[in-house]
Amino acid sequence: MASPGQWLAGARARTLPAAVVPVAIGTAVAVDAGQAIWWRALLALVVSLLLQVGVNYANDYSDGVRGTDDARVGPMRLVGSGAASPRAVLTAALGCFLIAAVAGLVLVIATGSWWLLAVGAASIAAAWFYTGGNRPYGYRALGEVSAFVFFGLVATIGTTYVQTENLPWLAVVAALPPGLLSCALLVVNNLRDRPSDAQVGKRTMAVVLGDSRTRTLYLWSVLSPFVITLALVPFHLGAALALPAALLAVGPVKTVWAGTVGPPLIPVLQQTGRLQLVYGLLFALGLAL
């Protein structure tokens, strides 16, 4: 039976900035518009966090029962390590999805925008079929695309919409950086696991692109948010508050660009998550001010 600490490790807390940041930025856009509704923002955060934890447990379950975690070099997996049964991890994933769905339904009822049900259903389906089902799209080099869409565009714009009930242009532009940084998290994760993934037939984008081009993709995923921020400054001066976060990009970019492979890339995942969190909170604060 897995310990609480092992369950926490299985939730992969280092990836949670991908869930927090878009909600913070989306709420900041609502604040900028003078239409923030804090209980709705909190519910949006619950939805985002539970979807992130749910997808982590779902990946743990699906990869574990397939055996693709047997040669894993990354953080511990519950099923792959034998710490928890597949059934227990599946139950945890489905529980997260269920609670996220209930919280999302409250937001749908509050806004009266029933089309959001389709967005919520698509988000849960994307979380499950990343590595679940007979044809997981995470095994077909589409994981980064999904991360950009759901932890960038959907989470940020959706958070703004459930508070303002409209779609300001700022929400669309502000959704790009968190999406790109979510891509960066997945890119470095898949770069680390590229040899073992290729061995078991898991065709992530890192496997498809190869080592060198994956490192280039990481570089652009990390740097592009700051280019977008600079472009936004003439229209919203507060966005400049996020620019000092670029200092946190230096370490992980140097490590990745140096050709580091295997377990030494594990700290880069944590550093990228820290970059995303600091950038996101500074960007959100700047937009709100």
Protein backbone atom coordinates (compact mmCIF):
# COMPACT_ATOMS: atom_id res chain seq x y z
CA MET A 1 0.00 0.00 0.00
CA ALA A 2 1.43 3.35 -1.02
CA SER A 3 2.27 5.88 1.68
CA PRO A 4 0.90 9.45 1.64
CA GLY A 5 4.32 10.62 0.51
CA GLN A 6 4.29 8.21 -2.42
CA TRP A 7 0.80 9.36 -3.44
CA LEU A 8 2.06 12.94 -3.31
CA ALA A 9 5.03 11.96 -5.47
CA GLY A 10 2.65 10.26 -7.88
CA ALA A 11 0.64 13.49 -8.13
CA ARG A 12 3.87 15.11 -9.43
CA ALA A 13 3.66 18.37 -7.54
CA ARG A 14 6.40 19.88 -9.72
CA THR A 15 3.97 19.97 -12.65
CA LEU A 16 1.23 21.81 -10.74
CA PRO A 17 2.35 25.31 -11.78
CA ALA A 18 0.92 24.34 -15.18
CA ALA A 19 -2.50 24.33 -13.48
CA VAL A 20 -2.06 27.36 -11.21
CA VAL A 21 -0.51 29.84 -13.64
CA PRO A 22 -3.24 30.00 -16.33
CA VAL A 23 -5.93 30.49 -13.67
CA ALA A 24 -3.92 33.29 -12.06
CA ILE A 25 -3.42 35.01 -15.43
CA GLY A 26 -7.03 34.54 -16.50
CA THR A 27 -8.20 36.02 -13.20
CA ALA A 28 -5.79 38.95 -13.62
CA VAL A 29 -7.41 39.74 -16.97
CA ALA A 30 -10.79 39.71 -15.22
CA VAL A 31 -9.40 42.07 -12.56
CA ASP A 32 -8.08 44.35 -15.30
CA ALA A 33 -11.60 44.42 -16.78
CA GLY A 34 -13.09 45.19 -13.35
CA GLN A 35 -15.15 41.98 -13.45
CA ALA A 36 -13.34 39.54 -11.18
CA ILE A 37 -15.55 37.14 -9.23
CA TRP A 38 -13.33 35.45 -6.70
CA TRP A 39 -15.42 32.40 -5.86
CA ARG A 40 -15.58 31.57 -9.57
CA ALA A 41 -11.81 32.03 -9.83
CA LEU A 42 -11.35 29.63 -6.91
CA LEU A 43 -13.59 27.03 -8.55
CA ALA A 44 -11.65 27.42 -11.80
CA LEU A 45 -8.46 26.74 -9.82
CA VAL A 46 -10.02 23.61 -8.30
CA VAL A 47 -10.94 22.38 -11.79
CA SER A 48 -7.47 23.08 -13.19
CA LEU A 49 -5.56 21.51 -10.29
CA LEU A 50 -7.70 18.38 -10.20
CA LEU A 51 -7.40 17.91 -13.95
CA GLN A 52 -3.61 18.18 -13.64
CA VAL A 53 -3.41 15.72 -10.75
CA GLY A 54 -5.94 13.49 -12.50
CA VAL A 55 -3.95 13.35 -15.71
CA ASN A 56 -0.78 12.55 -13.73
CA TYR A 57 -2.49 9.61 -12.01
CA ALA A 58 -4.11 8.53 -15.28
CA ASN A 59 -0.70 8.54 -16.99
CA ASP A 60 0.75 6.58 -14.08
CA TYR A 61 -2.00 3.99 -14.45
CA SER A 62 -1.97 3.70 -18.25
CA ASP A 63 1.81 3.63 -18.64
CA GLY A 64 2.10 1.27 -15.68
CA VAL A 65 -0.28 -1.38 -17.01
CA ARG A 66 1.36 -1.14 -20.46
CA GLY A 67 4.78 -1.67 -18.96
CA THR A 68 6.22 1.50 -20.50
CA ASP A 69 7.43 2.68 -17.06
CA ASP A 70 9.54 -0.42 -16.45
CA ALA A 71 12.76 1.29 -17.59
CA ARG A 72 11.78 4.79 -16.46
CA VAL A 73 14.56 7.16 -15.33
CA GLY A 74 12.26 9.92 -14.01
CA PRO A 75 10.46 10.33 -10.69
CA MET A 76 8.75 7.33 -9.10
CA ARG A 77 5.52 6.02 -10.62
CA LEU A 78 3.01 4.33 -8.34
CA VAL A 79 2.02 1.46 -10.64
CA GLY A 80 5.39 0.98 -12.32
CA SER A 81 7.17 0.74 -8.96
CA GLY A 82 4.54 -1.54 -7.45
CA ALA A 83 3.84 0.94 -4.64
CA ALA A 84 0.11 1.02 -5.47
CA SER A 85 -2.20 -1.26 -7.39
CA PRO A 86 -3.41 -0.22 -10.85
CA ARG A 87 -6.99 -0.22 -9.53
CA ALA A 88 -6.14 2.21 -6.72
CA VAL A 89 -4.37 4.63 -9.06
CA LEU A 90 -7.21 4.44 -11.58
CA THR A 91 -9.70 5.18 -8.81
CA ALA A 92 -7.65 8.21 -7.75
CA ALA A 93 -7.56 9.52 -11.32
CA LEU A 94 -11.29 9.06 -11.87
CA GLY A 95 -12.01 10.67 -8.48
CA CYS A 96 -10.05 13.76 -9.51
CA PHE A 97 -11.90 13.95 -12.82
CA LEU A 98 -15.27 13.57 -11.08
CA ILE A 99 -14.66 16.36 -8.56
CA ALA A 100 -13.31 18.60 -11.33
CA ALA A 101 -16.46 17.90 -13.34
CA VAL A 102 -18.72 18.84 -10.41
CA ALA A 103 -16.82 22.09 -9.82
CA GLY A 104 -16.99 22.84 -13.54
CA LEU A 105 -20.72 22.17 -13.59
CA VAL A 106 -21.23 24.78 -10.88
CA LEU A 107 -19.47 27.31 -13.11
CA VAL A 108 -21.60 26.30 -16.08
CA ILE A 109 -24.78 26.83 -14.06
CA ALA A 110 -23.50 30.15 -12.68
CA THR A 111 -22.74 31.53 -16.14
CA GLY A 112 -25.63 29.88 -17.95
CA SER A 113 -23.18 29.02 -20.73
CA TRP A 114 -24.06 25.40 -21.34
CA TRP A 115 -21.60 25.09 -24.21
CA LEU A 116 -18.91 25.02 -21.51
CA LEU A 117 -20.00 21.44 -20.81
CA ALA A 118 -18.43 20.47 -24.14
CA VAL A 119 -15.20 22.24 -23.17
CA GLY A 120 -15.13 20.42 -19.85
CA ALA A 121 -15.83 17.06 -21.48
CA ALA A 122 -13.05 17.69 -24.01
CA SER A 123 -10.64 18.58 -21.20
CA ILE A 124 -11.35 15.35 -19.31
CA ALA A 125 -11.15 13.31 -22.51
CA ALA A 126 -7.80 14.92 -23.34
CA ALA A 127 -6.53 14.10 -19.85
CA TRP A 128 -7.53 10.44 -20.14
CA PHE A 129 -6.58 9.72 -23.75
CA TYR A 130 -3.11 11.28 -23.41
CA THR A 131 -1.86 7.83 -22.46
CA GLY A 132 -5.16 5.97 -22.00
CA GLY A 133 -7.26 4.00 -24.47
CA ASN A 134 -6.17 1.95 -27.46
CA ARG A 135 -4.64 4.86 -29.40
CA PRO A 136 -3.20 7.35 -26.88
CA TYR A 137 -2.25 10.59 -28.59
CA GLY A 138 0.66 11.09 -26.20
CA TYR A 139 2.29 8.17 -28.02
CA ARG A 140 1.83 10.04 -31.31
CA ALA A 141 3.78 13.23 -30.62
CA LEU A 142 0.70 15.31 -29.75
CA GLY A 143 1.27 15.76 -26.02
CA GLU A 144 2.82 19.22 -26.34
CA VAL A 145 -0.02 20.39 -28.57
CA SER A 146 -2.53 19.28 -25.95
CA ALA A 147 -0.58 20.98 -23.15
CA PHE A 148 -0.57 24.25 -25.08
CA VAL A 149 -4.29 24.05 -25.84
CA PHE A 150 -5.64 22.91 -22.48
CA PHE A 151 -3.15 24.38 -19.98
CA GLY A 152 -2.73 27.54 -22.01
CA LEU A 153 -5.68 28.61 -24.14
CA VAL A 154 -8.54 26.71 -22.47
CA ALA A 155 -7.50 27.24 -18.85
CA THR A 156 -6.61 30.93 -19.21
CA ILE A 157 -9.42 32.06 -21.49
CA GLY A 158 -11.90 29.83 -19.65
CA THR A 159 -10.96 31.37 -16.29
CA THR A 160 -11.51 34.85 -17.69
CA TYR A 161 -14.78 33.88 -19.34
CA VAL A 162 -16.43 32.34 -16.26
CA GLN A 163 -15.86 35.65 -14.47
CA THR A 164 -16.45 38.25 -17.18
CA GLU A 165 -18.75 36.18 -19.42
CA ASN A 166 -17.01 37.63 -22.47
CA LEU A 167 -13.70 37.12 -24.29
CA PRO A 168 -11.43 40.19 -24.12
CA TRP A 169 -8.49 40.22 -26.52
CA LEU A 170 -6.09 40.42 -23.59
CA ALA A 171 -7.20 36.98 -22.40
CA VAL A 172 -6.29 35.44 -25.76
CA VAL A 173 -2.82 37.01 -25.88
CA ALA A 174 -2.18 36.32 -22.19
CA ALA A 175 -3.04 32.65 -22.73
CA LEU A 176 -0.05 32.09 -25.01
CA PRO A 177 2.82 32.26 -22.45
CA PRO A 178 1.38 29.73 -19.97
CA GLY A 179 0.63 27.39 -22.85
CA LEU A 180 4.21 27.63 -24.10
CA LEU A 181 5.67 27.10 -20.64
CA SER A 182 3.43 24.06 -20.17
CA CYS A 183 4.91 22.76 -23.42
CA ALA A 184 8.38 23.36 -22.01
CA LEU A 185 7.57 21.21 -18.97
CA LEU A 186 6.45 18.34 -21.17
CA VAL A 187 9.34 18.77 -23.62
CA VAL A 188 12.01 18.41 -20.95
CA ASN A 189 10.12 15.52 -19.35
CA ASN A 190 10.01 13.69 -22.70
CA LEU A 191 13.61 14.62 -23.50
CA ARG A 192 14.70 12.90 -20.30
CA ASP A 193 12.67 9.77 -21.13
CA ARG A 194 13.44 9.76 -24.87
CA PRO A 195 15.68 6.64 -24.95
CA SER A 196 13.36 4.50 -22.82
CA ASP A 197 10.26 5.78 -24.64
CA ALA A 198 11.77 4.90 -28.02
CA GLN A 199 12.65 1.45 -26.71
CA VAL A 200 9.02 0.65 -25.77
CA GLY A 201 7.48 2.29 -28.87
CA LYS A 202 6.21 5.44 -27.17
CA ARG A 203 6.57 8.02 -29.96
CA THR A 204 6.59 11.28 -28.04
CA MET A 205 7.54 14.49 -29.82
CA ALA A 206 11.05 14.08 -28.40
CA VAL A 207 11.33 10.64 -30.02
CA VAL A 208 10.02 11.96 -33.35
CA LEU A 209 12.16 15.12 -33.41
CA GLY A 210 15.35 13.57 -32.06
CA ASP A 211 17.70 14.91 -29.42
CA SER A 212 18.96 18.14 -31.01
CA ARG A 213 15.64 19.45 -32.30
CA THR A 214 13.91 18.62 -29.00
CA ARG A 215 16.43 20.80 -27.20
CA THR A 216 15.74 23.60 -29.68
CA LEU A 217 12.00 23.19 -29.05
CA TYR A 218 12.60 23.54 -25.32
CA LEU A 219 14.62 26.72 -25.89
CA TRP A 220 11.85 28.34 -27.94
CA SER A 221 9.12 27.18 -25.57
CA VAL A 222 10.93 28.91 -22.70
CA LEU A 223 11.99 32.09 -24.49
CA SER A 224 8.87 32.81 -26.57
CA PRO A 225 6.75 33.88 -23.55
CA PHE A 226 9.19 36.69 -22.90
CA VAL A 227 9.06 37.79 -26.55
CA ILE A 228 5.26 37.88 -26.32
CA THR A 229 5.51 39.82 -23.06
CA LEU A 230 7.76 42.42 -24.66
CA ALA A 231 5.31 42.79 -27.54
CA LEU A 232 2.46 43.29 -25.06
CA VAL A 233 4.20 45.99 -23.01
CA PRO A 234 3.26 48.92 -25.33
CA PHE A 235 -0.40 47.96 -24.89
CA HIS A 236 -0.27 47.00 -21.21
CA LEU A 237 2.72 48.36 -19.34
CA GLY A 238 2.17 46.13 -16.32
CA ALA A 239 3.17 43.07 -18.37
CA ALA A 240 6.80 44.22 -18.01
CA LEU A 241 6.70 43.06 -14.39
CA ALA A 242 7.16 39.47 -15.65
CA LEU A 243 10.38 40.15 -17.55
CA PRO A 244 12.80 39.67 -14.60
CA ALA A 245 11.61 36.05 -14.42
CA ALA A 246 13.84 35.48 -17.47
CA LEU A 247 16.73 35.13 -15.02
CA LEU A 248 15.22 31.84 -13.87
CA ALA A 249 15.39 30.53 -17.43
CA VAL A 250 19.18 30.75 -17.60
CA GLY A 251 19.96 27.65 -15.53
CA PRO A 252 17.58 25.15 -17.15
CA VAL A 253 18.29 26.42 -20.66
CA LYS A 254 22.05 26.04 -20.11
CA THR A 255 21.59 22.50 -18.78
CA VAL A 256 19.40 21.43 -21.69
CA TRP A 257 21.58 23.16 -24.28
CA ALA A 258 24.69 21.50 -22.86
CA GLY A 259 23.39 18.12 -23.98
CA THR A 260 22.57 16.75 -20.53
CA VAL A 261 20.75 13.40 -20.65
CA GLY A 262 18.96 11.04 -18.27
CA PRO A 263 18.44 11.62 -14.53
CA PRO A 264 20.41 14.92 -14.42
CA LEU A 265 17.49 16.41 -16.37
CA ILE A 266 15.12 15.74 -13.45
CA PRO A 267 16.08 19.03 -11.68
CA VAL A 268 15.38 20.88 -14.95
CA LEU A 269 11.74 19.87 -14.64
CA GLN A 270 11.62 21.47 -11.20
CA GLN A 271 13.44 24.57 -12.45
CA THR A 272 11.07 24.90 -15.39
CA GLY A 273 8.09 24.59 -13.05
CA ARG A 274 9.58 27.31 -10.83
CA LEU A 275 10.12 29.52 -13.87
CA GLN A 276 6.53 29.00 -14.97
CA LEU A 277 5.17 29.78 -11.50
CA VAL A 278 7.26 32.93 -10.94
CA TYR A 279 6.67 34.21 -14.48
CA GLY A 280 2.94 33.50 -14.21
CA LEU A 281 2.46 35.19 -10.86
CA LEU A 282 4.47 38.26 -11.89
CA PHE A 283 2.64 38.43 -15.23
CA ALA A 284 -0.72 38.10 -13.46
CA LEU A 285 0.20 40.79 -10.94
CA GLY A 286 1.31 43.13 -13.72
CA LEU A 287 -1.90 42.64 -15.67
CA ALA A 288 -4.05 43.13 -12.56
CA LEU A 289 -2.25 46.36 -11.69
